[in-house]
Amino acid sequence: MKKKLEIDKKLYNVKCKIMSMSFSAHVDSKGIMEFLTYLSPSNIVLVHGDNDGMIDLKRKITDTLKIPCMNPENHSTTVIPIVRKIPFTISLNLLNYYTNSLLSENSFLL
């Protein structure tokens, strides 16, 4: 069953998976960092907490875990950027051929 979301009287298919975790108010930043390390998410959105504490946690997450982290204002719209990595294999000969072709066609780039 596909989920739909209504925004401004228009229906949209939901094409993402939303996960929510409930933490005790007693979880400290060390416990949160350990949990995030275990989960290894692509993005993190902080939605509840003391503003100064969330700013510090956001900095710690981005500096230590290198994971994009946001702490949006209440009642705001947040866009989460998606980077899709598609692995591929190409022969060195083909790569050299196209590199040399591009360089000769655009010699002004040299």
N, C-alpha and C. Protein backbone atom coordinates (compact mmCIF):
# COMPACT_ATOMS: atom_id res chain seq x y z
N MET A 1 0.84 -1.17 0.00
CA MET A 1 0.00 0.00 0.00
C MET A 1 0.89 1.25 0.00
N LYS A 2 0.72 2.09 -1.01
CA LYS A 2 1.50 3.33 -1.09
C LYS A 2 0.90 4.38 -0.20
N LYS A 3 1.76 5.08 0.50
CA LYS A 3 1.29 6.16 1.36
C LYS A 3 1.24 7.45 0.57
N LYS A 4 0.28 8.29 0.91
CA LYS A 4 0.13 9.58 0.26
C LYS A 4 0.09 10.66 1.32
N LEU A 5 0.53 11.84 0.92
CA LEU A 5 0.58 12.98 1.80
C LEU A 5 -0.12 14.14 1.10
N GLU A 6 -1.03 14.80 1.82
CA GLU A 6 -1.75 15.93 1.24
C GLU A 6 -1.11 17.23 1.70
N ILE A 7 -0.73 18.05 0.72
CA ILE A 7 -0.17 19.36 0.99
C ILE A 7 -0.90 20.36 0.10
N ASP A 8 -1.50 21.36 0.70
CA ASP A 8 -2.26 22.38 -0.04
C ASP A 8 -3.28 21.76 -0.99
N LYS A 9 -4.02 20.79 -0.47
CA LYS A 9 -5.09 20.11 -1.19
C LYS A 9 -4.61 19.32 -2.41
N LYS A 10 -3.32 18.99 -2.47
CA LYS A 10 -2.78 18.17 -3.54
C LYS A 10 -2.14 16.93 -2.93
N LEU A 11 -2.41 15.75 -3.50
CA LEU A 11 -1.87 14.49 -2.99
C LEU A 11 -0.52 14.19 -3.62
N TYR A 12 0.41 13.75 -2.78
CA TYR A 12 1.74 13.35 -3.23
C TYR A 12 2.02 11.94 -2.74
N ASN A 13 2.70 11.14 -3.59
CA ASN A 13 3.16 9.83 -3.15
C ASN A 13 4.34 10.02 -2.21
N VAL A 14 4.37 9.28 -1.13
CA VAL A 14 5.48 9.34 -0.18
C VAL A 14 6.55 8.39 -0.70
N LYS A 15 7.72 8.96 -1.01
CA LYS A 15 8.80 8.17 -1.60
C LYS A 15 10.01 8.09 -0.68
N CYS A 16 9.78 8.21 0.60
CA CYS A 16 10.89 8.14 1.54
C CYS A 16 10.48 7.29 2.74
N LYS A 17 11.49 6.87 3.45
CA LYS A 17 11.23 6.12 4.67
C LYS A 17 11.56 7.05 5.83
N ILE A 18 10.62 7.23 6.70
CA ILE A 18 10.81 8.11 7.85
C ILE A 18 10.94 7.25 9.10
N MET A 19 12.01 7.48 9.83
CA MET A 19 12.22 6.71 11.05
C MET A 19 12.23 7.68 12.22
N SER A 20 11.67 7.27 13.30
CA SER A 20 11.62 8.12 14.49
C SER A 20 12.04 7.28 15.68
N MET A 21 12.86 7.88 16.52
CA MET A 21 13.29 7.20 17.73
C MET A 21 12.94 8.09 18.91
N SER A 22 12.48 7.49 19.97
CA SER A 22 12.15 8.25 21.17
C SER A 22 13.26 8.04 22.18
N PHE A 23 13.80 9.14 22.69
CA PHE A 23 14.85 9.08 23.69
C PHE A 23 14.32 9.53 25.03
N SER A 24 14.90 9.00 26.06
CA SER A 24 14.61 9.48 27.40
C SER A 24 15.23 10.85 27.55
N ALA A 25 14.66 11.67 28.37
CA ALA A 25 15.22 13.00 28.64
C ALA A 25 16.58 12.88 29.32
N HIS A 26 16.92 11.70 29.77
CA HIS A 26 18.17 11.51 30.51
C HIS A 26 19.32 11.05 29.62
N VAL A 27 19.08 10.89 28.31
CA VAL A 27 20.15 10.47 27.42
C VAL A 27 21.07 11.66 27.20
N ASP A 28 22.37 11.46 27.42
CA ASP A 28 23.33 12.54 27.23
C ASP A 28 23.89 12.50 25.81
N SER A 29 24.69 13.50 25.47
CA SER A 29 25.22 13.57 24.10
C SER A 29 26.11 12.36 23.79
N LYS A 30 26.79 11.83 24.79
CA LYS A 30 27.63 10.64 24.56
C LYS A 30 26.77 9.46 24.12
N GLY A 31 25.65 9.26 24.79
CA GLY A 31 24.75 8.17 24.42
C GLY A 31 24.15 8.37 23.03
N ILE A 32 23.81 9.62 22.72
CA ILE A 32 23.27 9.92 21.39
C ILE A 32 24.33 9.66 20.32
N MET A 33 25.57 10.09 20.57
CA MET A 33 26.65 9.88 19.61
C MET A 33 26.92 8.40 19.38
N GLU A 34 26.90 7.61 20.44
CA GLU A 34 27.10 6.16 20.31
C GLU A 34 25.98 5.55 19.47
N PHE A 35 24.75 5.98 19.72
CA PHE A 35 23.61 5.45 18.98
C PHE A 35 23.69 5.85 17.51
N LEU A 36 24.05 7.10 17.23
CA LEU A 36 24.17 7.55 15.84
C LEU A 36 25.30 6.83 15.12
N THR A 37 26.39 6.56 15.84
CA THR A 37 27.49 5.80 15.24
C THR A 37 27.01 4.41 14.84
N TYR A 38 26.22 3.78 15.71
CA TYR A 38 25.66 2.46 15.43
C TYR A 38 24.72 2.50 14.23
N LEU A 39 23.86 3.53 14.15
CA LEU A 39 22.88 3.61 13.07
C LEU A 39 23.50 4.00 11.73
N SER A 40 24.50 4.86 11.77
CA SER A 40 25.17 5.37 10.57
C SER A 40 24.17 5.94 9.56
N PRO A 41 23.36 6.94 9.97
CA PRO A 41 22.37 7.51 9.05
C PRO A 41 23.02 8.42 8.01
N SER A 42 22.28 8.72 6.94
CA SER A 42 22.77 9.62 5.90
C SER A 42 22.59 11.07 6.30
N ASN A 43 21.54 11.37 7.04
CA ASN A 43 21.22 12.72 7.49
C ASN A 43 20.62 12.64 8.89
N ILE A 44 20.74 13.74 9.63
CA ILE A 44 20.16 13.81 10.97
C ILE A 44 19.42 15.13 11.10
N VAL A 45 18.21 15.08 11.67
CA VAL A 45 17.43 16.29 11.94
C VAL A 45 17.13 16.30 13.43
N LEU A 46 17.63 17.32 14.12
CA LEU A 46 17.35 17.48 15.54
C LEU A 46 16.09 18.32 15.68
N VAL A 47 15.08 17.80 16.38
CA VAL A 47 13.78 18.48 16.41
C VAL A 47 13.30 18.86 17.80
N HIS A 48 14.02 18.47 18.84
CA HIS A 48 13.52 18.79 20.17
C HIS A 48 14.70 18.94 21.12
N GLY A 49 14.68 20.00 21.89
CA GLY A 49 15.71 20.20 22.89
C GLY A 49 16.03 21.66 23.07
N ASP A 50 16.86 21.92 24.04
CA ASP A 50 17.35 23.26 24.32
C ASP A 50 18.13 23.75 23.10
N ASN A 51 17.87 24.96 22.63
CA ASN A 51 18.48 25.45 21.40
C ASN A 51 20.01 25.44 21.47
N ASP A 52 20.58 25.92 22.56
CA ASP A 52 22.04 25.92 22.70
C ASP A 52 22.59 24.49 22.70
N GLY A 53 21.88 23.60 23.38
CA GLY A 53 22.29 22.20 23.42
C GLY A 53 22.23 21.55 22.04
N MET A 54 21.19 21.89 21.27
CA MET A 54 21.07 21.32 19.92
C MET A 54 22.17 21.87 19.01
N ILE A 55 22.52 23.13 19.16
CA ILE A 55 23.60 23.71 18.35
C ILE A 55 24.92 23.01 18.66
N ASP A 56 25.18 22.78 19.95
CA ASP A 56 26.41 22.07 20.34
C ASP A 56 26.41 20.64 19.82
N LEU A 57 25.27 19.94 19.94
CA LEU A 57 25.17 18.56 19.46
C LEU A 57 25.33 18.51 17.95
N LYS A 58 24.72 19.44 17.25
CA LYS A 58 24.85 19.50 15.78
C LYS A 58 26.32 19.64 15.39
N ARG A 59 27.03 20.54 16.05
CA ARG A 59 28.45 20.75 15.77
C ARG A 59 29.24 19.48 16.04
N LYS A 60 28.94 18.82 17.15
CA LYS A 60 29.65 17.58 17.51
C LYS A 60 29.37 16.48 16.48
N ILE A 61 28.13 16.38 16.02
CA ILE A 61 27.76 15.36 15.03
C ILE A 61 28.49 15.61 13.71
N THR A 62 28.43 16.85 13.23
CA THR A 62 29.06 17.14 11.93
C THR A 62 30.58 17.05 12.01
N ASP A 63 31.19 17.49 13.11
CA ASP A 63 32.64 17.44 13.24
C ASP A 63 33.16 16.02 13.46
N THR A 64 32.48 15.27 14.31
CA THR A 64 32.97 13.95 14.69
C THR A 64 32.52 12.85 13.72
N LEU A 65 31.23 12.83 13.41
CA LEU A 65 30.69 11.74 12.59
C LEU A 65 30.67 12.07 11.10
N LYS A 66 30.87 13.34 10.76
CA LYS A 66 30.85 13.78 9.35
C LYS A 66 29.53 13.46 8.67
N ILE A 67 28.43 13.59 9.42
CA ILE A 67 27.08 13.34 8.91
C ILE A 67 26.36 14.68 8.86
N PRO A 68 25.71 15.02 7.72
CA PRO A 68 24.94 16.26 7.67
C PRO A 68 23.87 16.28 8.76
N CYS A 69 23.80 17.37 9.49
CA CYS A 69 22.87 17.49 10.62
C CYS A 69 22.19 18.84 10.56
N MET A 70 20.88 18.85 10.79
CA MET A 70 20.10 20.08 10.76
C MET A 70 19.33 20.23 12.06
N ASN A 71 19.10 21.45 12.48
CA ASN A 71 18.21 21.73 13.61
C ASN A 71 17.30 22.89 13.18
N PRO A 72 16.26 22.57 12.42
CA PRO A 72 15.39 23.62 11.85
C PRO A 72 14.54 24.32 12.92
N GLU A 73 14.13 25.53 12.58
CA GLU A 73 13.22 26.28 13.44
C GLU A 73 11.89 25.54 13.52
N ASN A 74 11.16 25.73 14.61
CA ASN A 74 9.82 25.15 14.72
C ASN A 74 8.93 25.68 13.60
N HIS A 75 8.05 24.84 13.11
CA HIS A 75 7.08 25.18 12.07
C HIS A 75 7.73 25.62 10.77
N SER A 76 8.92 25.13 10.50
CA SER A 76 9.60 25.49 9.26
C SER A 76 9.64 24.28 8.32
N THR A 77 9.96 24.53 7.08
CA THR A 77 10.11 23.47 6.09
C THR A 77 11.59 23.17 5.97
N THR A 78 11.92 21.90 5.98
CA THR A 78 13.31 21.48 5.88
C THR A 78 13.50 20.62 4.65
N VAL A 79 14.48 20.95 3.84
CA VAL A 79 14.81 20.15 2.66
C VAL A 79 16.07 19.36 2.99
N ILE A 80 15.99 18.06 2.84
CA ILE A 80 17.13 17.19 3.11
C ILE A 80 17.76 16.82 1.78
N PRO A 81 18.98 17.28 1.54
CA PRO A 81 19.62 16.97 0.26
C PRO A 81 19.97 15.49 0.16
N ILE A 82 19.76 14.95 -1.00
CA ILE A 82 20.05 13.54 -1.24
C ILE A 82 21.17 13.46 -2.28
N VAL A 83 22.21 12.75 -1.94
CA VAL A 83 23.30 12.51 -2.87
C VAL A 83 23.24 11.04 -3.24
N ARG A 84 22.97 10.79 -4.50
CA ARG A 84 22.87 9.41 -4.96
C ARG A 84 24.18 9.02 -5.60
N LYS A 85 24.85 8.05 -5.04
CA LYS A 85 26.11 7.55 -5.58
C LYS A 85 25.83 6.27 -6.36
N ILE A 86 26.28 6.26 -7.60
CA ILE A 86 26.07 5.09 -8.45
C ILE A 86 27.44 4.56 -8.86
N PRO A 87 27.81 3.41 -8.32
CA PRO A 87 29.12 2.86 -8.68
C PRO A 87 29.12 2.35 -10.13
N PHE A 88 30.24 2.51 -10.80
CA PHE A 88 30.37 2.00 -12.16
C PHE A 88 31.82 1.64 -12.42
N THR A 89 32.03 0.88 -13.48
CA THR A 89 33.36 0.48 -13.86
C THR A 89 33.61 0.96 -15.28
N ILE A 90 34.80 1.52 -15.52
CA ILE A 90 35.16 1.97 -16.85
C ILE A 90 36.62 1.58 -17.09
N SER A 91 36.92 1.15 -18.29
CA SER A 91 38.29 0.75 -18.58
C SER A 91 39.18 1.99 -18.66
N LEU A 92 40.42 1.81 -18.34
CA LEU A 92 41.37 2.91 -18.39
C LEU A 92 41.55 3.41 -19.83
N ASN A 93 41.53 2.48 -20.78
CA ASN A 93 41.66 2.88 -22.19
C ASN A 93 40.51 3.79 -22.61
N LEU A 94 39.30 3.45 -22.24
CA LEU A 94 38.14 4.28 -22.59
C LEU A 94 38.22 5.64 -21.91
N LEU A 95 38.60 5.64 -20.66
CA LEU A 95 38.73 6.90 -19.93
C LEU A 95 39.79 7.80 -20.57
N ASN A 96 40.93 7.23 -20.92
CA ASN A 96 41.99 7.99 -21.58
C ASN A 96 41.52 8.52 -22.93
N TYR A 97 40.81 7.68 -23.67
CA TYR A 97 40.32 8.10 -24.99
C TYR A 97 39.43 9.34 -24.88
N TYR A 98 38.45 9.29 -23.98
CA TYR A 98 37.53 10.42 -23.84
C TYR A 98 38.20 11.64 -23.22
N THR A 99 39.13 11.43 -22.32
CA THR A 99 39.86 12.55 -21.73
C THR A 99 40.67 13.27 -22.80
N ASN A 100 41.39 12.50 -23.62
CA ASN A 100 42.19 13.09 -24.70
C ASN A 100 41.31 13.75 -25.74
N SER A 101 40.15 13.15 -26.06
CA SER A 101 39.23 13.74 -27.03
C SER A 101 38.70 15.08 -26.53
N LEU A 102 38.31 15.14 -25.27
CA LEU A 102 37.78 16.37 -24.72
C LEU A 102 38.85 17.45 -24.68
N LEU A 103 40.05 17.08 -24.31
CA LEU A 103 41.12 18.06 -24.24
C LEU A 103 41.47 18.62 -25.61
N SER A 104 41.48 17.78 -26.64
CA SER A 104 41.81 18.28 -27.98
C SER A 104 40.69 19.15 -28.55
N GLU A 105 39.43 18.83 -28.22
CA GLU A 105 38.30 19.63 -28.70
C GLU A 105 38.21 20.97 -27.98
N ASN A 106 38.63 21.00 -26.74
CA ASN A 106 38.53 22.22 -25.93
C ASN A 106 39.92 22.67 -25.49
N SER A 107 40.79 22.88 -26.44
CA SER A 107 42.18 23.20 -26.11
C SER A 107 42.31 24.50 -25.32
N PHE A 108 41.29 25.33 -25.39
CA PHE A 108 41.34 26.57 -24.62
C PHE A 108 41.34 26.32 -23.12
N LEU A 109 40.93 25.11 -22.69
CA LEU A 109 40.92 24.78 -21.26
C LEU A 109 42.33 24.52 -20.75
N LEU A 110 43.26 24.23 -21.66
CA LEU A 110 44.64 23.94 -21.23
C LEU A 110 45.27 25.21 -20.82
